[in-house]
C-alpha atoms as a PDB file:
ATOM      1  CA  MET A   1      48.506 132.348  75.809  1.00  0.00           C
ATOM      2  CA  GLU A   2      47.059 131.276  72.615  1.00  0.00           C
ATOM      3  CA  ARG A   3      50.031 129.684  71.257  1.00  0.00           C
ATOM      4  CA  LEU A   4      49.711 127.100  73.909  1.00  0.00           C
ATOM      5  CA  LEU A   5      45.950 126.452  73.237  1.00  0.00           C
ATOM      6  CA  PRO A   6      44.758 124.253  70.423  1.00  0.00           C
ATOM      7  CA  PRO A   7      43.330 126.299  67.359  1.00  0.00           C
ATOM      8  CA  LEU A   8      39.660 125.363  68.315  1.00  0.00           C
ATOM      9  CA  ALA A   9      40.153 126.332  71.717  1.00  0.00           C
ATOM     10  CA  ALA A  10      41.685 129.480  70.933  1.00  0.00           C
ATOM     11  CA  ASP A  11      38.717 130.607  68.527  1.00  0.00           C
ATOM     12  CA  LEU A  12      36.479 130.100  71.512  1.00  0.00           C
ATOM     13  CA  ILE A  13      38.334 131.881  74.009  1.00  0.00           C
ATOM     14  CA  ARG A  14      39.417 134.899  72.043  1.00  0.00           C
ATOM     15  CA  PRO A  15      36.096 136.560  72.086  1.00  0.00           C
ATOM     16  CA  TRP A  16      36.041 136.736  75.839  1.00  0.00           C
ATOM     17  CA  VAL A  17      39.509 137.964  75.953  1.00  0.00           C
ATOM     18  CA  ARG A  18      38.964 140.520  73.816  1.00  0.00           C
ATOM     19  CA  LYS A  19      36.109 141.598  75.389  1.00  0.00           C
ATOM     20  CA  ASP A  20      37.841 141.579  78.887  1.00  0.00           C
ATOM     21  CA  TYR A  21      40.352 143.810  77.145  1.00  0.00           C
ATOM     22  CA  ASP A  22      37.769 146.394  75.918  1.00  0.00           C
ATOM     23  CA  GLU A  23      36.242 147.074  79.039  1.00  0.00           C
ATOM     24  CA  ALA A  24      39.519 147.171  80.743  1.00  0.00           C
ATOM     25  CA  ALA A  25      40.837 149.699  77.973  1.00  0.00           C
ATOM     26  CA  LEU A  26      37.517 151.701  77.998  1.00  0.00           C
ATOM     27  CA  ARG A  27      37.536 152.171  82.173  1.00  0.00           C
ATOM     28  CA  ALA A  28      41.158 153.429  81.335  1.00  0.00           C
ATOM     29  CA  TYR A  29      39.804 156.193  78.814  1.00  0.00           C
ATOM     30  CA  LEU A  30      37.011 157.223  81.240  1.00  0.00           C
ATOM     31  CA  ARG A  31      38.901 157.958  84.270  1.00  0.00           C
ATOM     32  CA  LYS A  32      41.170 160.614  82.436  1.00  0.00           C
ATOM     33  CA  ARG A  33      39.282 161.052  78.780  1.00  0.00           C
ATOM     34  CA  GLU A  34      42.796 162.043  77.293  1.00  0.00           C
ATOM     35  CA  PRO A  35      42.630 162.492  73.718  1.00  0.00           C
ATOM     36  CA  PHE A  36      43.348 159.371  71.741  1.00  0.00           C
ATOM     37  CA  SER A  37      44.297 157.377  74.682  1.00  0.00           C
ATOM     38  CA  ARG A  38      43.979 153.918  75.188  1.00  0.00           C
ATOM     39  CA  GLY A  39      40.212 152.895  75.015  1.00  0.00           C
ATOM     40  CA  TYR A  40      39.266 156.142  73.078  1.00  0.00           C
ATOM     41  CA  LYS A  41      38.328 153.997  69.968  1.00  0.00           C
ATOM     42  CA  ILE A  42      36.112 151.862  71.871  1.00  0.00           C
ATOM     43  CA  PHE A  43      34.350 154.606  73.482  1.00  0.00           C
ATOM     44  CA  VAL A  44      33.616 156.440  70.017  1.00  0.00           C
ATOM     45  CA  GLN A  45      32.626 152.824  68.450  1.00  0.00           C
ATOM     46  CA  ARG A  46      30.035 152.515  71.143  1.00  0.00           C
ATOM     47  CA  LEU A  47      28.906 155.835  70.950  1.00  0.00           C
ATOM     48  CA  VAL A  48      28.428 155.183  67.252  1.00  0.00           C
ATOM     49  CA  LEU A  49      26.696 152.254  67.567  1.00  0.00           C
ATOM     50  CA  ARG A  50      24.032 153.156  70.248  1.00  0.00           C
ATOM     51  CA  THR A  51      23.247 155.972  67.752  1.00  0.00           C
ATOM     52  CA  LEU A  52      22.625 153.495  64.980  1.00  0.00           C
ATOM     53  CA  LYS A  53      20.152 151.587  67.445  1.00  0.00           C
ATOM     54  CA  ASP A  54      18.210 154.612  68.365  1.00  0.00           C
ATOM     55  CA  GLY A  55      15.547 155.016  65.375  1.00  0.00           C
ATOM     56  CA  GLY A  56      14.811 158.628  66.572  1.00  0.00           C
ATOM     57  CA  LEU A  57      18.329 159.719  66.348  1.00  0.00           C
ATOM     58  CA  VAL A  58      19.034 158.229  62.985  1.00  0.00           C
ATOM     59  CA  GLU A  59      16.021 159.826  61.922  1.00  0.00           C
ATOM     60  CA  SER A  60      17.500 163.447  63.139  1.00  0.00           C
ATOM     61  CA  PHE A  61      20.866 162.231  61.152  1.00  0.00           C
ATOM     62  CA  ARG A  62      18.470 161.448  58.080  1.00  0.00           C
ATOM     63  CA  ARG A  63      16.685 164.427  58.056  1.00  0.00           C
ATOM     64  CA  GLY A  64      19.346 167.264  59.573  1.00  0.00           C
ATOM     65  CA  THR A  65      16.912 167.944  62.550  1.00  0.00           C
ATOM     66  CA  PRO A  66      18.742 168.879  65.733  1.00  0.00           C
ATOM     67  CA  LEU A  67      20.250 166.443  68.065  1.00  0.00           C
ATOM     68  CA  PRO A  68      19.811 165.944  72.043  1.00  0.00           C
ATOM     69  CA  GLU A  69      21.523 168.479  74.031  1.00  0.00           C
ATOM     70  CA  GLY A  70      24.953 166.857  75.373  1.00  0.00           C
ATOM     71  CA  PHE A  71      25.562 164.174  71.982  1.00  0.00           C
ATOM     72  CA  GLY A  72      29.114 163.184  72.003  1.00  0.00           C
ATOM     73  CA  PRO A  73      31.170 165.468  74.325  1.00  0.00           C
ATOM     74  CA  ASP A  74      35.068 164.776  74.087  1.00  0.00           C
ATOM     75  CA  THR A  75      34.743 163.140  70.564  1.00  0.00           C
ATOM     76  CA  ASP A  76      35.687 163.721  67.070  1.00  0.00           C
ATOM     77  CA  GLU A  77      33.562 164.601  64.120  1.00  0.00           C
ATOM     78  CA  ARG A  78      33.460 160.471  63.287  1.00  0.00           C
ATOM     79  CA  CYS A  79      30.565 160.368  65.717  1.00  0.00           C
ATOM     80  CA  VAL A  80      28.315 162.676  63.502  1.00  0.00           C
ATOM     81  CA  GLU A  81      29.848 161.564  60.055  1.00  0.00           C
ATOM     82  CA  TYR A  82      29.029 158.062  60.901  1.00  0.00           C
ATOM     83  CA  PRO A  83      25.625 158.125  61.678  1.00  0.00           C
ATOM     84  CA  TRP A  84      24.862 160.846  59.185  1.00  0.00           C
ATOM     85  CA  VAL A  85      26.226 158.626  56.366  1.00  0.00           C
ATOM     86  CA  LEU A  86      24.285 155.423  57.576  1.00  0.00           C
ATOM     87  CA  ALA A  87      21.555 157.037  57.899  1.00  0.00           C
ATOM     88  CA  ASN A  88      21.435 158.319  54.435  1.00  0.00           C
ATOM     89  CA  LEU A  89      22.358 155.183  52.776  1.00  0.00           C
ATOM     90  CA  PRO A  90      19.544 153.596  50.633  1.00  0.00           C
ATOM     91  CA  ALA A  91      18.855 150.072  51.616  1.00  0.00           C
ATOM     92  CA  GLY A  92      18.948 147.292  49.051  1.00  0.00           C
ATOM     93  CA  SER A  93      21.608 146.119  46.773  1.00  0.00           C
ATOM     94  CA  ALA A  94      23.921 148.797  44.829  1.00  0.00           C
ATOM     95  CA  ARG A  95      27.251 149.044  43.589  1.00  0.00           C
ATOM     96  CA  MET A  96      29.278 151.288  46.340  1.00  0.00           C
ATOM     97  CA  LEU A  97      32.390 153.004  46.429  1.00  0.00           C
ATOM     98  CA  ASP A  98      33.917 154.098  49.465  1.00  0.00           C
ATOM     99  CA  ALA A  99      36.319 156.865  48.104  1.00  0.00           C
ATOM    100  CA  GLY A 100      38.771 156.828  51.156  1.00  0.00           C
ATOM    101  CA  SER A 101      38.549 153.793  53.311  1.00  0.00           C
ATOM    102  CA  THR A 102      36.639 155.715  56.293  1.00  0.00           C
ATOM    103  CA  LEU A 103      34.401 152.580  56.447  1.00  0.00           C
ATOM    104  CA  ASN A 104      36.767 149.968  56.586  1.00  0.00           C
ATOM    105  CA  TYR A 105      36.005 148.848  60.085  1.00  0.00           C
ATOM    106  CA  GLY A 106      34.048 145.921  61.176  1.00  0.00           C
ATOM    107  CA  PHE A 107      31.415 147.393  63.595  1.00  0.00           C
ATOM    108  CA  LEU A 108      30.210 149.763  60.747  1.00  0.00           C
ATOM    109  CA  LEU A 109      30.256 146.975  57.885  1.00  0.00           C
ATOM    110  CA  ASP A 110      28.194 144.598  60.355  1.00  0.00           C
ATOM    111  CA  GLN A 111      25.475 146.966  59.890  1.00  0.00           C
ATOM    112  CA  GLU A 112      22.555 145.814  58.209  1.00  0.00           C
ATOM    113  CA  VAL A 113      22.491 148.559  55.477  1.00  0.00           C
ATOM    114  CA  PHE A 114      25.790 147.064  53.735  1.00  0.00           C
ATOM    115  CA  ARG A 115      24.473 143.427  53.444  1.00  0.00           C
ATOM    116  CA  GLU A 116      23.363 143.466  49.899  1.00  0.00           C
ATOM    117  CA  LYS A 117      26.419 146.221  49.021  1.00  0.00           C
ATOM    118  CA  SER A 118      28.893 145.609  46.073  1.00  0.00           C
ATOM    119  CA  LEU A 119      31.185 147.585  47.981  1.00  0.00           C
ATOM    120  CA  HIS A 120      34.719 148.936  46.823  1.00  0.00           C
ATOM    121  CA  ILE A 121      36.919 150.709  49.163  1.00  0.00           C
ATOM    122  CA  LEU A 122      39.461 152.994  47.026  1.00  0.00           C
ATOM    123  CA  THR A 123      42.832 154.134  48.969  1.00  0.00           C
ATOM    124  CA  PHE A 124      46.314 154.697  48.104  1.00  0.00           C
ATOM    125  CA  ALA A 125      48.041 152.040  49.948  1.00  0.00           C
ATOM    126  CA  PRO A 126      46.967 148.548  51.645  1.00  0.00           C
ATOM    127  CA  GLU A 127      45.963 148.837  55.321  1.00  0.00           C
ATOM    128  CA  ASP A 128      46.235 146.369  58.542  1.00  0.00           C
ATOM    129  CA  GLN A 129      42.579 145.524  58.302  1.00  0.00           C
ATOM    130  CA  CYS A 130      41.299 143.675  55.665  1.00  0.00           C
ATOM    131  CA  PHE A 131      37.805 142.295  54.768  1.00  0.00           C
ATOM    132  CA  TRP A 132      38.087 140.431  51.704  1.00  0.00           C
ATOM    133  CA  LYS A 133      36.550 137.485  52.958  1.00  0.00           C
ATOM    134  CA  ARG A 134      32.817 139.817  53.086  1.00  0.00           C
ATOM    135  CA  SER A 135      33.607 140.081  49.186  1.00  0.00           C
ATOM    136  CA  ILE A 136      34.747 143.692  49.795  1.00  0.00           C
ATOM    137  CA  SER A 137      37.150 144.509  46.780  1.00  0.00           C
ATOM    138  CA  TYR A 138      40.049 147.155  47.688  1.00  0.00           C
ATOM    139  CA  LEU A 139      41.530 149.478  44.863  1.00  0.00           C
ATOM    140  CA  PHE A 140      44.679 150.722  45.591  1.00  0.00           C
ATOM    141  CA  ALA A 141      44.425 154.384  43.442  1.00  0.00           C
ATOM    142  CA  ASP A 142      44.088 157.886  43.378  1.00  0.00           C
ATOM    143  CA  LEU A 143      40.714 159.695  43.676  1.00  0.00           C
ATOM    144  CA  ARG A 144      42.149 162.104  40.774  1.00  0.00           C
ATOM    145  CA  ASP A 145      42.421 158.965  38.391  1.00  0.00           C
ATOM    146  CA  ILE A 146      39.686 156.465  39.427  1.00  0.00           C
ATOM    147  CA  PRO A 147      40.566 153.266  37.231  1.00  0.00           C
ATOM    148  CA  VAL A 148      36.645 152.561  37.084  1.00  0.00           C
ATOM    149  CA  ARG A 149      34.408 153.280  33.933  1.00  0.00           C
ATOM    150  CA  ASP A 150      32.149 156.107  33.587  1.00  0.00           C
ATOM    151  CA  GLY A 151      28.648 155.659  35.535  1.00  0.00           C
ATOM    152  CA  TYR A 152      29.550 152.815  37.294  1.00  0.00           C
ATOM    153  CA  TYR A 153      28.401 153.300  40.908  1.00  0.00           C
ATOM    154  CA  ASP A 154      24.946 153.770  42.111  1.00  0.00           C
ATOM    155  CA  VAL A 155      26.434 155.122  45.388  1.00  0.00           C
ATOM    156  CA  ILE A 156      29.437 157.058  46.650  1.00  0.00           C
ATOM    157  CA  VAL A 157      30.751 157.858  50.179  1.00  0.00           C
ATOM    158  CA  CYS A 158      33.498 160.164  50.444  1.00  0.00           C
ATOM    159  CA  LEU A 159      33.880 160.762  54.308  1.00  0.00           C
ATOM    160  CA  SER A 160      36.654 163.112  55.552  1.00  0.00           C
ATOM    161  CA  THR A 161      39.129 162.321  52.656  1.00  0.00           C
ATOM    162  CA  LEU A 162      38.403 165.353  49.992  1.00  0.00           C
ATOM    163  CA  GLU A 163      40.554 167.558  52.203  1.00  0.00           C
ATOM    164  CA  HIS A 164      43.446 165.241  51.822  1.00  0.00           C
ATOM    165  CA  VAL A 165      43.622 165.299  48.086  1.00  0.00           C
ATOM    166  CA  GLY A 166      46.565 166.754  46.728  1.00  0.00           C
ATOM    167  CA  CYS A 167      48.343 167.393  50.125  1.00  0.00           C
ATOM    168  CA  ASP A 168      51.007 165.675  51.931  1.00  0.00           C
ATOM    169  CA  ASN A 169      49.864 162.167  52.479  1.00  0.00           C
ATOM    170  CA  SER A 170      53.486 160.991  52.819  1.00  0.00           C
ATOM    171  CA  SER A 171      53.039 160.083  56.458  1.00  0.00           C
ATOM    172  CA  TYR A 172      50.292 157.473  55.267  1.00  0.00           C
ATOM    173  CA  THR A 173      51.931 155.859  52.644  1.00  0.00           C
ATOM    174  CA  ASN A 174      55.860 156.146  53.229  1.00  0.00           C
ATOM    175  CA  GLN A 175      56.279 157.335  49.751  1.00  0.00           C
ATOM    176  CA  ASP A 176      57.939 160.666  48.823  1.00  0.00           C
ATOM    177  CA  SER A 177      55.492 160.700  45.739  1.00  0.00           C
ATOM    178  CA  HIS A 178      52.531 161.730  47.996  1.00  0.00           C
ATOM    179  CA  ARG A 179      54.420 164.456  49.577  1.00  0.00           C
ATOM    180  CA  GLU A 180      52.258 166.681  47.475  1.00  0.00           C
ATOM    181  CA  ASP A 181      51.186 170.812  47.805  1.00  0.00           C
ATOM    182  CA  ARG A 182      48.351 170.894  45.242  1.00  0.00           C
ATOM    183  CA  PRO A 183      45.299 172.183  47.059  1.00  0.00           C
ATOM    184  CA  GLU A 184      43.447 172.798  44.115  1.00  0.00           C
ATOM    185  CA  ASP A 185      43.412 169.053  43.150  1.00  0.00           C
ATOM    186  CA  PHE A 186      40.241 168.528  45.057  1.00  0.00           C
ATOM    187  CA  LEU A 187      38.569 169.870  42.013  1.00  0.00           C
ATOM    188  CA  LEU A 188      39.920 167.064  40.269  1.00  0.00           C
ATOM    189  CA  ALA A 189      38.800 164.393  42.841  1.00  0.00           C
ATOM    190  CA  MET A 190      35.095 165.796  42.844  1.00  0.00           C
ATOM    191  CA  SER A 191      35.042 165.597  38.934  1.00  0.00           C
ATOM    192  CA  GLU A 192      36.140 162.018  39.001  1.00  0.00           C
ATOM    193  CA  LEU A 193      33.481 161.071  41.629  1.00  0.00           C
ATOM    194  CA  GLY A 194      30.595 162.614  39.328  1.00  0.00           C
ATOM    195  CA  ARG A 195      32.293 160.887  36.261  1.00  0.00           C
ATOM    196  CA  VAL A 196      32.048 157.202  38.032  1.00  0.00           C
ATOM    197  CA  LEU A 197      28.472 158.017  39.374  1.00  0.00           C
ATOM    198  CA  ARG A 198      25.682 157.021  37.582  1.00  0.00           C
ATOM    199  CA  PRO A 199      22.907 159.283  36.789  1.00  0.00           C
ATOM    200  CA  GLY A 200      20.176 159.351  39.618  1.00  0.00           C
ATOM    201  CA  GLY A 201      23.245 158.023  41.558  1.00  0.00           C
ATOM    202  CA  LEU A 202      24.073 159.131  45.165  1.00  0.00           C
ATOM    203  CA  LEU A 203      27.089 160.854  46.960  1.00  0.00           C
ATOM    204  CA  LEU A 204      27.294 161.314  50.298  1.00  0.00           C
ATOM    205  CA  LEU A 205      30.393 163.701  51.199  1.00  0.00           C
ATOM    206  CA  THR A 206      31.858 164.842  54.366  1.00  0.00           C
ATOM    207  CA  VAL A 207      34.645 167.646  55.186  1.00  0.00           C
ATOM    208  CA  PRO A 208      36.049 169.554  57.879  1.00  0.00           C
ATOM    209  CA  PHE A 209      34.380 172.889  57.994  1.00  0.00           C
ATOM    210  CA  GLY A 210      34.833 176.486  59.195  1.00  0.00           C
ATOM    211  CA  VAL A 211      37.696 179.049  59.102  1.00  0.00           C
ATOM    212  CA  TYR A 212      39.953 178.251  56.027  1.00  0.00           C
ATOM    213  CA  LEU A 213      43.056 176.473  57.156  1.00  0.00           C
ATOM    214  CA  HIS A 214      46.164 174.801  54.957  1.00  0.00           C
ATOM    215  CA  TYR A 215      47.984 172.438  57.661  1.00  0.00           C
ATOM    216  CA  GLY A 216      50.027 170.878  54.819  1.00  0.00           C
ATOM    217  CA  TRP A 217      48.681 167.546  55.144  1.00  0.00           C
ATOM    218  CA  PHE A 218      44.726 168.670  54.775  1.00  0.00           C
ATOM    219  CA  GLN A 219      43.046 171.522  54.423  1.00  0.00           C
ATOM    220  CA  GLN A 220      39.715 172.708  56.038  1.00  0.00           C
ATOM    221  CA  PHE A 221      37.303 173.771  54.048  1.00  0.00           C
ATOM    222  CA  ASN A 222      35.056 177.328  53.945  1.00  0.00           C
ATOM    223  CA  LEU A 223      31.898 177.787  52.468  1.00  0.00           C
ATOM    224  CA  ALA A 224      33.801 179.139  49.331  1.00  0.00           C
ATOM    225  CA  LEU A 225      35.667 175.958  48.812  1.00  0.00           C
ATOM    226  CA  LEU A 226      32.625 173.826  49.332  1.00  0.00           C
ATOM    227  CA  ARG A 227      30.758 175.522  46.960  1.00  0.00           C
ATOM    228  CA  ARG A 228      33.393 175.138  44.262  1.00  0.00           C
ATOM    229  CA  ALA A 229      33.918 171.367  45.399  1.00  0.00           C
ATOM    230  CA  ILE A 230      30.067 170.747  44.589  1.00  0.00           C
ATOM    231  CA  SER A 231      30.416 172.876  41.227  1.00  0.00           C
ATOM    232  CA  ALA A 232      33.006 170.552  40.123  1.00  0.00           C
ATOM    233  CA  PHE A 233      31.150 167.070  40.740  1.00  0.00           C
ATOM    234  CA  GLY A 234      28.962 168.511  37.741  1.00  0.00           C
ATOM    235  CA  CYS A 235      25.196 168.585  37.348  1.00  0.00           C
ATOM    236  CA  ALA A 236      23.209 167.680  40.307  1.00  0.00           C
ATOM    237  CA  ALA A 237      19.322 166.843  40.683  1.00  0.00           C
ATOM    238  CA  GLU A 238      19.564 167.315  44.279  1.00  0.00           C
ATOM    239  CA  CYS A 239      22.061 168.695  46.677  1.00  0.00           C
ATOM    240  CA  THR A 240      21.503 168.925  50.551  1.00  0.00           C
ATOM    241  CA  GLU A 241      23.567 170.248  53.007  1.00  0.00           C
ATOM    242  CA  THR A 242      23.850 169.598  56.602  1.00  0.00           C
ATOM    243  CA  PHE A 243      26.269 171.140  59.245  1.00  0.00           C
ATOM    244  CA  TYR A 244      27.386 169.984  62.633  1.00  0.00           C
ATOM    245  CA  ARG A 245      29.366 172.121  65.244  1.00  0.00           C
ATOM    246  CA  TYR A 246      31.491 171.102  68.312  1.00  0.00           C
ATOM    247  CA  THR A 247      31.044 172.768  71.710  1.00  0.00           C
ATOM    248  CA  ARG A 248      32.238 171.610  75.217  1.00  0.00           C
ATOM    249  CA  GLU A 249      28.689 170.017  75.362  1.00  0.00           C
ATOM    250  CA  GLY A 250      28.924 167.884  72.456  1.00  0.00           C
ATOM    251  CA  TRP A 251      27.854 168.000  68.640  1.00  0.00           C
ATOM    252  CA  HIS A 252      25.122 170.365  67.608  1.00  0.00           C
ATOM    253  CA  CYS A 253      23.019 170.497  64.213  1.00  0.00           C
ATOM    254  CA  ALA A 254      24.007 174.163  62.825  1.00  0.00           C
ATOM    255  CA  THR A 255      24.026 176.527  60.027  1.00  0.00           C
ATOM    256  CA  ALA A 256      26.993 177.221  57.852  1.00  0.00           C
ATOM    257  CA  GLU A 257      26.766 180.995  59.232  1.00  0.00           C
ATOM    258  CA  GLU A 258      27.133 179.163  62.944  1.00  0.00           C
ATOM    259  CA  CYS A 259      29.966 177.140  61.946  1.00  0.00           C
ATOM    260  CA  ALA A 260      31.857 179.616  59.805  1.00  0.00           C
ATOM    261  CA  GLY A 261      34.513 180.691  62.671  1.00  0.00           C
ATOM    262  CA  SER A 262      35.051 177.152  63.731  1.00  0.00           C
ATOM    263  CA  GLU A 263      38.836 176.178  63.897  1.00  0.00           C
ATOM    264  CA  TYR A 264      40.519 172.916  63.862  1.00  0.00           C
ATOM    265  CA  VAL A 265      42.462 171.655  66.817  1.00  0.00           C
ATOM    266  CA  ARG A 266      45.853 173.348  66.368  1.00  0.00           C
ATOM    267  CA  SER A 267      48.177 170.526  67.944  1.00  0.00           C
ATOM    268  CA  TYR A 268      47.433 168.799  64.258  1.00  0.00           C
ATOM    269  CA  LYS A 269      49.124 171.677  62.640  1.00  0.00           C
ATOM    270  CA  GLY A 270      52.144 169.840  61.429  1.00  0.00           C
ATOM    271  CA  PRO A 271      51.980 165.975  59.810  1.00  0.00           C
ATOM    272  CA  PRO A 272      50.758 163.167  61.468  1.00  0.00           C
ATOM    273  CA  SER A 273      54.571 162.599  62.202  1.00  0.00           C
ATOM    274  CA  GLN A 274      55.017 166.142  64.187  1.00  0.00           C
ATOM    275  CA  TRP A 275      52.186 165.693  66.388  1.00  0.00           C
ATOM    276  CA  PRO A 276      52.683 166.148  70.321  1.00  0.00           C
ATOM    277  CA  SER A 277      52.763 163.424  72.276  1.00  0.00           C
ATOM    278  CA  PRO A 278      50.376 162.988  74.515  1.00  0.00           C
ATOM    279  CA  ILE A 279      48.213 165.093  72.364  1.00  0.00           C
ATOM    280  CA  PRO A 280      47.212 168.100  74.935  1.00  0.00           C
ATOM    281  CA  ARG A 281      43.226 168.072  76.096  1.00  0.00           C
ATOM    282  CA  GLU A 282      41.750 171.202  74.326  1.00  0.00           C
ATOM    283  CA  PRO A 283      39.534 173.240  76.958  1.00  0.00           C
ATOM    284  CA  ASP A 284      36.158 172.568  74.884  1.00  0.00           C
ATOM    285  CA  GLY A 285      37.291 168.602  74.796  1.00  0.00           C
ATOM    286  CA  ALA A 286      37.435 169.069  70.982  1.00  0.00           C
ATOM    287  CA  ARG A 287      39.421 166.106  69.364  1.00  0.00           C
ATOM    288  CA  TYR A 288      39.859 167.406  65.450  1.00  0.00           C
ATOM    289  CA  ALA A 289      37.199 169.215  63.546  1.00  0.00           C
ATOM    290  CA  ARG A 290      35.146 171.834  65.753  1.00  0.00           C
ATOM    291  CA  ALA A 291      32.764 171.856  62.458  1.00  0.00           C
ATOM    292  CA  VAL A 292      32.063 169.197  59.813  1.00  0.00           C
ATOM    293  CA  ALA A 293      30.179 170.044  56.231  1.00  0.00           C
ATOM    294  CA  CYS A 294      27.688 166.935  55.319  1.00  0.00           C
ATOM    295  CA  VAL A 295      26.359 166.921  51.581  1.00  0.00           C
ATOM    296  CA  ARG A 296      24.175 165.179  49.949  1.00  0.00           C
ATOM    297  CA  ILE A 297      24.217 164.838  46.095  1.00  0.00           C
ATOM    298  CA  VAL A 298      21.911 163.085  43.825  1.00  0.00           C
ATOM    299  CA  LYS A 299      23.585 163.174  40.170  1.00  0.00           C
ATOM    300  CA  SER A 300      21.244 164.336  37.524  1.00  0.00           C
END
């Protein structure tokens, strides 16, 4: 349709067409709630945006206090990771690194907390979405060898990325060189994050947590691995850990002990190219991880 319209008319009508498409997709998802079916991303985005507009909820994520009952059933860990990260980001200007490109979405970058940030997004390869018009810089590099001088960043966010370091990432990049089996390399990445963060700077880190699992394309952290990661970062002036656990009723603030037996959804045991289609629905509605560790570290 847009090809038949002059550019100005197309620009005016595009938001309305997109809104109608989003609403139809959301209704389609809510009818069956099939994992990752059409409309799921919109469902998650709206839940995250509602959360970020709720001052009480944002404060709960900032302090690691209990969430309301029934928060986010049938959703993946992004529904707690994103609010936790944004609740803990400092306001104002800062040199910031998104180590893993998990913030590379318009609905997140529209948030006020990013307005004065000088943001670099580091990932292996270019992605379809690119926000260079917002003066965001993209670095295509390896977290084990970050091409930035010591102490450059004020803030680093590494959200559900560390677990992929040294594993088989070829499904994401289509490069055989990224078909690795070096699960200990997360230690190298943590050391690099510590190197490029300035003294007094802030690292916000999240990983899937529970029973140790190695699915080839990622590994799920247990408490021992998490402790090793924190140690590899280097000297910390502050270190705060918050855990969230998924049940049939949704996401809850929990302890490490309560999350220790949490298992990742088994449908994703192989790399993405081997996932079943459609993804079977889990009895509890879990989408990926059933627990996540969120770690706030201030470098000494």
